[in-house]
Amino acid sequence: MRIGHGFDIHAFGPGSHVVLGGVKIPHTHCLIAHSDGDVVIHSLVDAIFGALCLGDIGSHFPDTDSSNKDLNSRMFLRYAADMMISNNYVLGNVDVTVIAESPIVAPHILSMRECLSTDLSANLDKINIKATTAERLGFIGREEGIGCHSVVLLVPKQFSDQNSQ
């Protein structure tokens, strides 16, 4: 089995929504980023690449490449899922922690889990998302942005196949 950890953080800028876990959430700001700024997916993709020892999201989708500008991060996640499968791994589970003072994430967690489940071709019960605040401390606590930690467990496909019989 392999474990990967990912972290991402983006600052707020002018806008009317944020995208978290593939879900568009109305907000007073957007997240400044080369793509859509989805910190949930970015941290999750980094966790998958980390577990596979394949670098990070920036080495696969550099922000210096204009073709990556404004891309939907779900495309990054589908690519990471394909890399997982081509390396003969399947998802054991995902655990995501969103760190934000605003917007309130809890009402959107099920929709986020459903998006991630779809893009990873994994059962919903393998995807966990939770949210916390920074208790008004620091960059996130001052509502200047959002951060996210993700951890994944990847299981060799042959092990998964044997256990499903």
N, C-alpha and C. Protein backbone atom coordinates (compact mmCIF):
# COMPACT_ATOMS: atom_id res chain seq x y z
N MET A 1 0.85 -1.18 0.00
CA MET A 1 0.00 0.00 0.00
C MET A 1 0.88 1.24 0.00
N ARG A 2 0.33 2.33 -0.47
CA ARG A 2 1.07 3.59 -0.52
C ARG A 2 0.21 4.71 0.06
N ILE A 3 0.86 5.60 0.79
CA ILE A 3 0.19 6.75 1.39
C ILE A 3 0.75 8.02 0.76
N GLY A 4 -0.12 8.97 0.47
CA GLY A 4 0.30 10.25 -0.06
C GLY A 4 -0.37 11.38 0.69
N HIS A 5 0.33 12.50 0.81
CA HIS A 5 -0.19 13.68 1.48
C HIS A 5 -0.09 14.86 0.53
N GLY A 6 -1.11 15.69 0.50
CA GLY A 6 -1.08 16.89 -0.32
C GLY A 6 -1.57 18.08 0.47
N PHE A 7 -1.07 19.25 0.10
CA PHE A 7 -1.50 20.50 0.72
C PHE A 7 -1.58 21.56 -0.36
N ASP A 8 -2.60 22.42 -0.28
CA ASP A 8 -2.70 23.55 -1.19
C ASP A 8 -3.34 24.71 -0.45
N ILE A 9 -3.00 25.90 -0.90
CA ILE A 9 -3.54 27.12 -0.30
C ILE A 9 -3.61 28.19 -1.38
N HIS A 10 -4.69 28.95 -1.39
CA HIS A 10 -4.84 30.06 -2.34
C HIS A 10 -5.44 31.25 -1.63
N ALA A 11 -5.04 32.42 -2.07
CA ALA A 11 -5.57 33.67 -1.55
C ALA A 11 -6.87 34.04 -2.27
N PHE A 12 -7.69 34.81 -1.58
CA PHE A 12 -8.90 35.34 -2.19
C PHE A 12 -8.58 36.54 -3.07
N GLY A 13 -9.39 36.71 -4.10
CA GLY A 13 -9.35 37.88 -4.96
C GLY A 13 -10.78 38.25 -5.34
N PRO A 14 -10.92 39.25 -6.20
CA PRO A 14 -12.27 39.65 -6.60
C PRO A 14 -12.99 38.52 -7.33
N GLY A 15 -14.26 38.35 -7.02
CA GLY A 15 -15.04 37.31 -7.68
C GLY A 15 -16.34 37.05 -6.94
N SER A 16 -17.09 36.07 -7.42
CA SER A 16 -18.41 35.81 -6.86
C SER A 16 -18.60 34.37 -6.40
N HIS A 17 -17.55 33.55 -6.51
CA HIS A 17 -17.68 32.15 -6.08
C HIS A 17 -16.30 31.53 -5.90
N VAL A 18 -16.29 30.41 -5.18
CA VAL A 18 -15.10 29.56 -5.10
C VAL A 18 -15.50 28.19 -5.62
N VAL A 19 -14.50 27.42 -6.06
CA VAL A 19 -14.73 26.04 -6.46
C VAL A 19 -13.97 25.17 -5.47
N LEU A 20 -14.69 24.28 -4.81
CA LEU A 20 -14.09 23.36 -3.83
C LEU A 20 -14.60 21.95 -4.12
N GLY A 21 -13.68 21.04 -4.33
CA GLY A 21 -14.07 19.66 -4.61
C GLY A 21 -14.93 19.53 -5.85
N GLY A 22 -14.72 20.43 -6.81
CA GLY A 22 -15.49 20.40 -8.05
C GLY A 22 -16.83 21.08 -7.97
N VAL A 23 -17.16 21.66 -6.82
CA VAL A 23 -18.46 22.29 -6.62
C VAL A 23 -18.31 23.81 -6.58
N LYS A 24 -19.11 24.50 -7.38
CA LYS A 24 -19.11 25.97 -7.41
C LYS A 24 -19.96 26.47 -6.24
N ILE A 25 -19.33 27.23 -5.35
CA ILE A 25 -19.98 27.71 -4.13
C ILE A 25 -20.03 29.24 -4.17
N PRO A 26 -21.22 29.84 -4.09
CA PRO A 26 -21.32 31.29 -4.07
C PRO A 26 -20.52 31.87 -2.91
N HIS A 27 -19.79 32.95 -3.18
CA HIS A 27 -18.98 33.58 -2.14
C HIS A 27 -18.70 35.02 -2.55
N THR A 28 -18.21 35.79 -1.62
CA THR A 28 -17.91 37.20 -1.88
C THR A 28 -16.60 37.38 -2.65
N HIS A 29 -15.81 36.31 -2.78
CA HIS A 29 -14.52 36.35 -3.47
C HIS A 29 -14.33 35.07 -4.27
N CYS A 30 -13.28 35.06 -5.08
CA CYS A 30 -12.84 33.83 -5.73
C CYS A 30 -11.44 33.52 -5.22
N LEU A 31 -10.90 32.38 -5.62
CA LEU A 31 -9.53 32.03 -5.25
C LEU A 31 -8.61 32.34 -6.42
N ILE A 32 -7.54 33.04 -6.13
CA ILE A 32 -6.58 33.44 -7.17
C ILE A 32 -5.69 32.25 -7.49
N ALA A 33 -5.68 31.87 -8.76
CA ALA A 33 -4.89 30.72 -9.18
C ALA A 33 -4.76 30.71 -10.69
N HIS A 34 -3.84 29.90 -11.18
CA HIS A 34 -3.65 29.74 -12.62
C HIS A 34 -4.83 28.97 -13.23
N SER A 35 -5.35 27.98 -12.47
CA SER A 35 -6.53 27.23 -12.91
C SER A 35 -7.73 27.80 -12.16
N ASP A 36 -8.68 26.94 -11.78
CA ASP A 36 -9.85 27.42 -11.05
C ASP A 36 -9.62 27.57 -9.54
N GLY A 37 -8.41 27.22 -9.07
CA GLY A 37 -8.06 27.43 -7.66
C GLY A 37 -8.70 26.46 -6.69
N ASP A 38 -9.15 25.31 -7.17
CA ASP A 38 -9.82 24.33 -6.32
C ASP A 38 -8.80 23.67 -5.38
N VAL A 39 -8.65 24.21 -4.18
CA VAL A 39 -7.65 23.71 -3.23
C VAL A 39 -7.90 22.27 -2.82
N VAL A 40 -9.15 21.84 -2.81
CA VAL A 40 -9.47 20.45 -2.46
C VAL A 40 -8.87 19.52 -3.50
N ILE A 41 -9.18 19.76 -4.75
CA ILE A 41 -8.67 18.89 -5.81
C ILE A 41 -7.16 19.01 -5.94
N HIS A 42 -6.62 20.22 -5.84
CA HIS A 42 -5.17 20.39 -5.96
C HIS A 42 -4.43 19.60 -4.89
N SER A 43 -4.92 19.67 -3.65
CA SER A 43 -4.24 18.93 -2.58
C SER A 43 -4.42 17.42 -2.76
N LEU A 44 -5.57 17.01 -3.24
CA LEU A 44 -5.83 15.59 -3.47
C LEU A 44 -4.96 15.05 -4.61
N VAL A 45 -4.84 15.81 -5.69
CA VAL A 45 -3.98 15.39 -6.80
C VAL A 45 -2.53 15.27 -6.33
N ASP A 46 -2.07 16.23 -5.54
CA ASP A 46 -0.71 16.14 -4.98
C ASP A 46 -0.55 14.90 -4.10
N ALA A 47 -1.57 14.56 -3.34
CA ALA A 47 -1.50 13.36 -2.50
C ALA A 47 -1.40 12.10 -3.36
N ILE A 48 -2.17 12.05 -4.43
CA ILE A 48 -2.11 10.88 -5.32
C ILE A 48 -0.74 10.79 -5.98
N PHE A 49 -0.26 11.91 -6.52
CA PHE A 49 1.07 11.91 -7.14
C PHE A 49 2.14 11.55 -6.11
N GLY A 50 2.00 12.03 -4.88
CA GLY A 50 2.95 11.69 -3.83
C GLY A 50 2.98 10.21 -3.54
N ALA A 51 1.80 9.60 -3.44
CA ALA A 51 1.73 8.16 -3.16
C ALA A 51 2.35 7.35 -4.30
N LEU A 52 2.24 7.86 -5.52
CA LEU A 52 2.80 7.17 -6.68
C LEU A 52 4.26 7.56 -6.95
N CYS A 53 4.80 8.48 -6.15
CA CYS A 53 6.17 9.00 -6.35
C CYS A 53 6.32 9.62 -7.73
N LEU A 54 5.32 10.42 -8.12
CA LEU A 54 5.32 11.05 -9.44
C LEU A 54 5.36 12.57 -9.36
N GLY A 55 6.03 13.09 -8.35
CA GLY A 55 6.17 14.54 -8.25
C GLY A 55 4.93 15.21 -7.70
N ASP A 56 4.60 16.37 -8.26
CA ASP A 56 3.47 17.14 -7.77
C ASP A 56 2.67 17.69 -8.94
N ILE A 57 1.58 18.36 -8.61
CA ILE A 57 0.68 18.87 -9.64
C ILE A 57 1.39 19.85 -10.58
N GLY A 58 2.32 20.64 -10.02
CA GLY A 58 3.05 21.61 -10.83
C GLY A 58 3.98 20.98 -11.85
N SER A 59 4.47 19.77 -11.58
CA SER A 59 5.34 19.11 -12.55
C SER A 59 4.54 18.50 -13.69
N HIS A 60 3.27 18.22 -13.47
CA HIS A 60 2.40 17.68 -14.53
C HIS A 60 1.63 18.77 -15.25
N PHE A 61 1.29 19.84 -14.52
CA PHE A 61 0.50 20.94 -15.08
C PHE A 61 1.12 22.28 -14.65
N PRO A 62 2.29 22.63 -15.21
CA PRO A 62 2.98 23.84 -14.76
C PRO A 62 2.19 25.12 -15.04
N ASP A 63 2.27 26.06 -14.10
CA ASP A 63 1.57 27.33 -14.31
C ASP A 63 2.28 28.22 -15.33
N THR A 64 3.43 27.77 -15.81
CA THR A 64 4.13 28.48 -16.88
C THR A 64 3.60 28.09 -18.26
N ASP A 65 2.76 27.07 -18.31
CA ASP A 65 2.17 26.60 -19.56
C ASP A 65 0.80 27.25 -19.73
N SER A 66 0.66 28.11 -20.72
CA SER A 66 -0.59 28.84 -20.91
C SER A 66 -1.77 27.92 -21.22
N SER A 67 -1.53 26.70 -21.68
CA SER A 67 -2.64 25.78 -21.95
C SER A 67 -3.32 25.30 -20.67
N ASN A 68 -2.67 25.50 -19.52
CA ASN A 68 -3.26 25.12 -18.24
C ASN A 68 -4.08 26.25 -17.61
N LYS A 69 -4.05 27.43 -18.22
CA LYS A 69 -4.73 28.60 -17.67
C LYS A 69 -6.24 28.37 -17.61
N ASP A 70 -6.81 28.63 -16.45
CA ASP A 70 -8.25 28.58 -16.20
C ASP A 70 -8.87 27.19 -16.39
N LEU A 71 -8.06 26.14 -16.34
CA LEU A 71 -8.60 24.79 -16.49
C LEU A 71 -9.45 24.40 -15.28
N ASN A 72 -10.43 23.57 -15.54
CA ASN A 72 -11.24 22.98 -14.49
C ASN A 72 -10.37 21.92 -13.80
N SER A 73 -10.19 22.03 -12.50
CA SER A 73 -9.31 21.13 -11.77
C SER A 73 -9.77 19.68 -11.79
N ARG A 74 -11.02 19.44 -12.10
CA ARG A 74 -11.49 18.06 -12.20
C ARG A 74 -10.72 17.31 -13.29
N MET A 75 -10.24 18.03 -14.31
CA MET A 75 -9.43 17.41 -15.34
C MET A 75 -8.11 16.91 -14.74
N PHE A 76 -7.54 17.68 -13.81
CA PHE A 76 -6.31 17.25 -13.14
C PHE A 76 -6.56 15.96 -12.34
N LEU A 77 -7.71 15.93 -11.67
CA LEU A 77 -8.04 14.77 -10.84
C LEU A 77 -8.25 13.52 -11.69
N ARG A 78 -8.93 13.67 -12.83
CA ARG A 78 -9.13 12.52 -13.73
C ARG A 78 -7.79 12.02 -14.26
N TYR A 79 -6.88 12.95 -14.54
CA TYR A 79 -5.54 12.56 -14.99
C TYR A 79 -4.82 11.78 -13.89
N ALA A 80 -4.89 12.27 -12.64
CA ALA A 80 -4.25 11.58 -11.52
C ALA A 80 -4.88 10.20 -11.32
N ALA A 81 -6.19 10.08 -11.49
CA ALA A 81 -6.86 8.78 -11.38
C ALA A 81 -6.37 7.83 -12.46
N ASP A 82 -6.18 8.35 -13.67
CA ASP A 82 -5.64 7.52 -14.76
C ASP A 82 -4.22 7.06 -14.44
N MET A 83 -3.42 7.95 -13.85
CA MET A 83 -2.04 7.58 -13.47
C MET A 83 -2.06 6.49 -12.39
N MET A 84 -3.00 6.60 -11.47
CA MET A 84 -3.14 5.60 -10.41
C MET A 84 -3.43 4.23 -11.05
N ILE A 85 -4.38 4.20 -11.96
CA ILE A 85 -4.77 2.94 -12.61
C ILE A 85 -3.63 2.40 -13.48
N SER A 86 -2.96 3.28 -14.23
CA SER A 86 -1.88 2.81 -15.11
C SER A 86 -0.68 2.29 -14.31
N ASN A 87 -0.58 2.69 -13.04
CA ASN A 87 0.47 2.18 -12.16
C ASN A 87 -0.03 1.02 -11.30
N ASN A 88 -1.20 0.49 -11.66
CA ASN A 88 -1.79 -0.70 -11.01
C ASN A 88 -2.17 -0.49 -9.54
N TYR A 89 -2.72 0.68 -9.25
CA TYR A 89 -3.25 0.96 -7.92
C TYR A 89 -4.71 1.36 -8.01
N VAL A 90 -5.42 1.12 -6.94
CA VAL A 90 -6.80 1.60 -6.79
C VAL A 90 -6.87 2.38 -5.49
N LEU A 91 -7.90 3.17 -5.38
CA LEU A 91 -8.06 4.00 -4.19
C LEU A 91 -8.49 3.16 -3.00
N GLY A 92 -7.73 3.25 -1.92
CA GLY A 92 -8.15 2.66 -0.65
C GLY A 92 -9.14 3.61 0.01
N ASN A 93 -8.69 4.83 0.27
CA ASN A 93 -9.57 5.89 0.78
C ASN A 93 -8.88 7.24 0.67
N VAL A 94 -9.70 8.29 0.82
CA VAL A 94 -9.27 9.68 0.78
C VAL A 94 -9.77 10.35 2.05
N ASP A 95 -8.94 11.18 2.67
CA ASP A 95 -9.37 11.99 3.80
C ASP A 95 -8.91 13.42 3.54
N VAL A 96 -9.86 14.33 3.46
CA VAL A 96 -9.60 15.73 3.09
C VAL A 96 -10.03 16.63 4.25
N THR A 97 -9.20 17.63 4.57
CA THR A 97 -9.56 18.65 5.55
C THR A 97 -9.45 20.02 4.91
N VAL A 98 -10.58 20.69 4.76
CA VAL A 98 -10.62 22.06 4.25
C VAL A 98 -10.48 23.00 5.43
N ILE A 99 -9.61 24.00 5.29
CA ILE A 99 -9.41 24.98 6.36
C ILE A 99 -9.86 26.34 5.83
N ALA A 100 -10.98 26.84 6.37
CA ALA A 100 -11.56 28.09 5.87
C ALA A 100 -12.45 28.72 6.93
N GLU A 101 -12.40 30.03 7.01
CA GLU A 101 -13.36 30.76 7.84
C GLU A 101 -14.66 30.95 7.06
N SER A 102 -14.50 31.20 5.76
CA SER A 102 -15.65 31.35 4.88
C SER A 102 -15.22 30.94 3.48
N PRO A 103 -16.13 30.44 2.68
CA PRO A 103 -17.53 30.19 2.97
C PRO A 103 -17.70 28.98 3.89
N ILE A 104 -18.90 28.80 4.38
CA ILE A 104 -19.21 27.63 5.20
C ILE A 104 -19.23 26.42 4.26
N VAL A 105 -18.41 25.44 4.54
CA VAL A 105 -18.21 24.29 3.65
C VAL A 105 -19.22 23.17 3.90
N ALA A 106 -19.66 22.99 5.13
CA ALA A 106 -20.47 21.83 5.52
C ALA A 106 -21.66 21.55 4.59
N PRO A 107 -22.44 22.56 4.16
CA PRO A 107 -23.59 22.26 3.31
C PRO A 107 -23.22 21.67 1.94
N HIS A 108 -21.95 21.75 1.56
CA HIS A 108 -21.51 21.34 0.23
C HIS A 108 -20.72 20.03 0.24
N ILE A 109 -20.51 19.46 1.41
CA ILE A 109 -19.63 18.29 1.53
C ILE A 109 -20.14 17.10 0.73
N LEU A 110 -21.41 16.79 0.78
CA LEU A 110 -21.91 15.64 0.03
C LEU A 110 -21.71 15.84 -1.47
N SER A 111 -22.00 17.00 -1.99
CA SER A 111 -21.80 17.28 -3.42
C SER A 111 -20.32 17.17 -3.79
N MET A 112 -19.45 17.64 -2.92
CA MET A 112 -18.01 17.55 -3.16
C MET A 112 -17.58 16.08 -3.20
N ARG A 113 -18.05 15.30 -2.23
CA ARG A 113 -17.72 13.87 -2.19
C ARG A 113 -18.19 13.16 -3.45
N GLU A 114 -19.37 13.52 -3.93
CA GLU A 114 -19.91 12.91 -5.14
C GLU A 114 -19.05 13.24 -6.36
N CYS A 115 -18.58 14.49 -6.48
CA CYS A 115 -17.70 14.86 -7.59
C CYS A 115 -16.39 14.07 -7.54
N LEU A 116 -15.79 14.02 -6.36
CA LEU A 116 -14.52 13.29 -6.22
C LEU A 116 -14.72 11.81 -6.49
N SER A 117 -15.81 11.25 -5.99
CA SER A 117 -16.12 9.84 -6.20
C SER A 117 -16.25 9.54 -7.69
N THR A 118 -16.93 10.38 -8.41
CA THR A 118 -17.10 10.21 -9.86
C THR A 118 -15.76 10.26 -10.57
N ASP A 119 -14.97 11.29 -10.29
CA ASP A 119 -13.70 11.48 -11.00
C ASP A 119 -12.67 10.42 -10.66
N LEU A 120 -12.76 9.85 -9.47
CA LEU A 120 -11.82 8.81 -9.06
C LEU A 120 -12.36 7.41 -9.32
N SER A 121 -13.58 7.32 -9.86
CA SER A 121 -14.24 6.02 -10.07
C SER A 121 -14.19 5.17 -8.80
N ALA A 122 -14.54 5.81 -7.70
CA ALA A 122 -14.48 5.15 -6.38
C ALA A 122 -15.83 5.27 -5.69
N ASN A 123 -16.12 4.31 -4.84
CA ASN A 123 -17.35 4.37 -4.05
C ASN A 123 -17.31 5.59 -3.14
N LEU A 124 -18.48 6.16 -2.91
CA LEU A 124 -18.61 7.33 -2.04
C LEU A 124 -18.08 7.07 -0.64
N ASP A 125 -18.17 5.83 -0.16
CA ASP A 125 -17.73 5.52 1.20
C ASP A 125 -16.20 5.51 1.33
N LYS A 126 -15.49 5.76 0.22
CA LYS A 126 -14.03 5.86 0.28
C LYS A 126 -13.55 7.31 0.30
N ILE A 127 -14.49 8.25 0.28
CA ILE A 127 -14.17 9.67 0.19
C ILE A 127 -14.68 10.38 1.45
N ASN A 128 -13.78 10.94 2.24
CA ASN A 128 -14.18 11.71 3.42
C ASN A 128 -13.71 13.15 3.25
N ILE A 129 -14.60 14.08 3.55
CA ILE A 129 -14.25 15.51 3.54
C ILE A 129 -14.78 16.10 4.83
N LYS A 130 -13.93 16.88 5.47
CA LYS A 130 -14.36 17.61 6.66
C LYS A 130 -13.81 19.02 6.57
N ALA A 131 -14.35 19.90 7.38
CA ALA A 131 -13.91 21.29 7.34
C ALA A 131 -13.67 21.79 8.75
N THR A 132 -12.74 22.72 8.84
CA THR A 132 -12.45 23.37 10.11
C THR A 132 -12.09 24.82 9.82
N THR A 133 -12.01 25.61 10.86
CA THR A 133 -11.58 26.99 10.72
C THR A 133 -10.16 27.11 11.26
N ALA A 134 -9.59 28.28 11.11
CA ALA A 134 -8.28 28.57 11.69
C ALA A 134 -8.43 29.38 12.96
N GLU A 135 -9.65 29.38 13.52
CA GLU A 135 -9.93 30.09 14.77
C GLU A 135 -9.51 31.56 14.70
N ARG A 136 -9.73 32.15 13.54
CA ARG A 136 -9.43 33.57 13.27
C ARG A 136 -7.94 33.90 13.35
N LEU A 137 -7.08 32.88 13.27
CA LEU A 137 -5.64 33.09 13.34
C LEU A 137 -5.02 33.05 11.95
N GLY A 138 -4.05 33.92 11.71
CA GLY A 138 -3.26 33.88 10.48
C GLY A 138 -4.02 34.24 9.22
N PHE A 139 -3.39 33.92 8.10
CA PHE A 139 -3.86 34.20 6.75
C PHE A 139 -5.29 33.70 6.53
N ILE A 140 -5.53 32.46 6.86
CA ILE A 140 -6.86 31.88 6.67
C ILE A 140 -7.84 32.47 7.68
N GLY A 141 -7.40 32.63 8.91
CA GLY A 141 -8.26 33.17 9.96
C GLY A 141 -8.72 34.59 9.69
N ARG A 142 -7.91 35.35 8.96
CA ARG A 142 -8.29 36.72 8.58
C ARG A 142 -9.16 36.72 7.31
N GLU A 143 -9.56 35.55 6.87
CA GLU A 143 -10.39 35.36 5.67
C GLU A 143 -9.71 35.92 4.42
N GLU A 144 -8.41 35.65 4.32
CA GLU A 144 -7.65 36.06 3.14
C GLU A 144 -7.48 34.92 2.14
N GLY A 145 -7.95 33.72 2.50
CA GLY A 145 -7.82 32.59 1.59
C GLY A 145 -8.29 31.30 2.24
N ILE A 146 -8.04 30.19 1.53
CA ILE A 146 -8.47 28.85 1.97
C ILE A 146 -7.30 27.89 1.79
N GLY A 147 -7.17 26.94 2.71
CA GLY A 147 -6.17 25.89 2.60
C GLY A 147 -6.82 24.53 2.68
N CYS A 148 -6.07 23.49 2.30
CA CYS A 148 -6.61 22.15 2.34
C CYS A 148 -5.49 21.12 2.45
N HIS A 149 -5.70 20.13 3.31
CA HIS A 149 -4.81 18.96 3.44
C HIS A 149 -5.57 17.75 2.91
N SER A 150 -4.86 16.87 2.21
CA SER A 150 -5.46 15.61 1.75
C SER A 150 -4.49 14.47 2.00
N VAL A 151 -5.06 13.33 2.38
CA VAL A 151 -4.29 12.11 2.54
C VAL A 151 -4.99 11.02 1.75
N VAL A 152 -4.21 10.22 1.01
CA VAL A 152 -4.78 9.09 0.28
C VAL A 152 -4.05 7.81 0.63
N LEU A 153 -4.78 6.73 0.58
CA LEU A 153 -4.21 5.40 0.68
C LEU A 153 -4.49 4.71 -0.65
N LEU A 154 -3.43 4.26 -1.31
CA LEU A 154 -3.57 3.51 -2.56
C LEU A 154 -3.24 2.05 -2.30
N VAL A 155 -4.03 1.19 -2.90
CA VAL A 155 -3.90 -0.25 -2.71
C VAL A 155 -3.53 -0.87 -4.05
N PRO A 156 -2.55 -1.79 -4.08
CA PRO A 156 -2.24 -2.47 -5.34
C PRO A 156 -3.49 -3.14 -5.91
N LYS A 157 -3.70 -3.00 -7.20
CA LYS A 157 -4.91 -3.53 -7.83
C LYS A 157 -5.07 -5.03 -7.58
N GLN A 158 -4.01 -5.80 -7.66
CA GLN A 158 -4.15 -7.25 -7.46
C GLN A 158 -4.60 -7.56 -6.04
N PHE A 159 -4.18 -6.78 -5.05
CA PHE A 159 -4.61 -6.97 -3.66
C PHE A 159 -6.10 -6.66 -3.54
N SER A 160 -6.50 -5.58 -4.19
CA SER A 160 -7.91 -5.18 -4.16
C SER A 160 -8.79 -6.23 -4.85
N ASP A 161 -8.32 -6.77 -5.98
CA ASP A 161 -9.06 -7.80 -6.71
C ASP A 161 -9.24 -9.06 -5.87
N GLN A 162 -8.19 -9.46 -5.16
CA GLN A 162 -8.25 -10.66 -4.33
C GLN A 162 -9.24 -10.51 -3.18
N ASN A 163 -9.30 -9.29 -2.60
CA ASN A 163 -10.19 -9.05 -1.46
C ASN A 163 -11.64 -8.87 -1.87
N SER A 164 -11.89 -8.60 -3.17
CA SER A 164 -13.28 -8.41 -3.60
C SER A 164 -13.93 -9.72 -4.04
N GLN A 165 -13.16 -10.81 -4.05
CA GLN A 165 -13.73 -12.10 -4.48
C GLN A 165 -14.37 -12.84 -3.31
